[in-house]
Amino acid sequence: MSFICPLCNGLAPLNATCPDCGHVLENEGKKEDYAGPYSPYGSADQYTSTISSRHPSGCEHVVQCPHCHEAYIYHVNAWQAL
């Protein structure tokens, strides 16, 4: 059984709001892209908190609020591939 990330594959929009100010969050890419061995970015551990979901399997994305500029880790539930 294989799973895919609906956000990575453009199958679903990001529907999350900032827990601080309520603005819609923007997807900045997969967390692992920020923490890879040749990453020019800072550690993914620098983000304020994790916005979790109900299902443990999935993909973690870095999301940022365009209003207050806070960044979070957002867990996207994986979909079962047909």
Protein backbone atom coordinates (compact mmCIF):
# COMPACT_ATOMS: atom_id res chain seq x y z
CA MET A 1 0.00 0.00 0.00
CA SER A 2 1.52 3.34 -1.01
CA PHE A 3 0.62 6.85 0.06
CA ILE A 4 1.06 10.30 -1.51
CA CYS A 5 1.04 13.81 -0.12
CA PRO A 6 -1.88 15.78 -1.61
CA LEU A 7 -0.07 19.08 -1.00
CA CYS A 8 3.19 18.02 -2.70
CA ASN A 9 1.25 16.70 -5.68
CA GLY A 10 -1.07 19.68 -6.07
CA LEU A 11 -4.17 17.61 -5.36
CA ALA A 12 -5.45 19.73 -2.48
CA PRO A 13 -4.90 23.31 -1.29
CA LEU A 14 -3.41 24.20 2.08
CA ASN A 15 -6.35 25.05 4.32
CA ALA A 16 -4.64 26.15 7.51
CA THR A 17 -4.72 29.40 9.45
CA CYS A 18 -2.17 31.00 11.72
CA PRO A 19 -2.82 30.10 15.36
CA ASP A 20 -1.63 33.58 16.40
CA CYS A 21 -3.49 35.94 14.05
CA GLY A 22 -5.88 33.78 12.00
CA HIS A 23 -4.52 34.62 8.52
CA VAL A 24 -4.25 31.86 5.90
CA LEU A 25 -0.81 30.20 5.98
CA GLU A 26 1.38 29.85 2.89
CA ASN A 27 3.15 26.61 1.96
CA GLU A 28 6.93 27.05 1.83
CA GLY A 29 7.75 23.46 0.86
CA LYS A 30 8.57 20.15 2.49
CA LYS A 31 10.40 20.23 5.82
CA GLU A 32 13.03 17.79 4.57
CA ASP A 33 13.99 20.25 1.80
CA TYR A 34 15.03 22.72 4.51
CA ALA A 35 16.95 20.19 6.56
CA GLY A 36 18.73 18.22 3.82
CA PRO A 37 22.51 17.66 3.86
CA TYR A 38 23.16 20.44 1.30
CA SER A 39 20.46 22.80 2.49
CA PRO A 40 21.32 26.53 2.37
CA TYR A 41 18.58 27.18 4.92
CA GLY A 42 18.52 26.97 8.70
CA SER A 43 17.52 23.92 10.65
CA ALA A 44 13.86 22.92 10.46
CA ASP A 45 13.93 22.80 14.27
CA GLN A 46 13.95 26.62 14.36
CA TYR A 47 10.24 26.88 13.62
CA THR A 48 7.96 27.86 16.45
CA SER A 49 5.77 24.78 16.72
CA THR A 50 4.15 21.94 14.90
CA ILE A 51 0.56 22.06 13.70
CA SER A 52 -0.41 18.41 13.92
CA SER A 53 -3.20 16.34 12.50
CA ARG A 54 -5.10 13.20 13.40
CA HIS A 55 -3.29 10.65 11.23
CA PRO A 56 0.40 9.80 11.83
CA SER A 57 1.38 9.00 8.22
CA GLY A 58 1.96 11.90 5.89
CA CYS A 59 4.31 14.68 4.96
CA GLU A 60 5.58 17.65 6.97
CA HIS A 61 5.63 21.07 5.33
CA VAL A 62 7.02 24.40 6.43
CA VAL A 63 4.22 26.97 6.41
CA GLN A 64 4.46 30.69 7.09
CA CYS A 65 2.01 33.43 7.96
CA PRO A 66 2.21 36.36 5.53
CA HIS A 67 0.88 38.71 8.21
CA CYS A 68 2.91 37.99 11.37
CA HIS A 69 5.75 36.08 9.56
CA GLU A 70 5.73 33.16 12.02
CA ALA A 71 6.75 29.81 10.56
CA TYR A 72 5.39 26.42 11.60
CA ILE A 73 5.69 22.76 10.70
CA TYR A 74 2.39 21.50 9.28
CA HIS A 75 1.63 17.78 9.04
CA VAL A 76 -0.31 16.85 5.89
CA ASN A 77 -2.27 13.58 5.98
CA ALA A 78 -1.21 11.20 3.24
CA TRP A 79 -3.73 9.83 0.75
CA GLN A 80 -3.70 6.21 -0.32
CA ALA A 81 -2.53 5.89 -3.92
CA LEU A 82 -4.77 3.90 -6.21
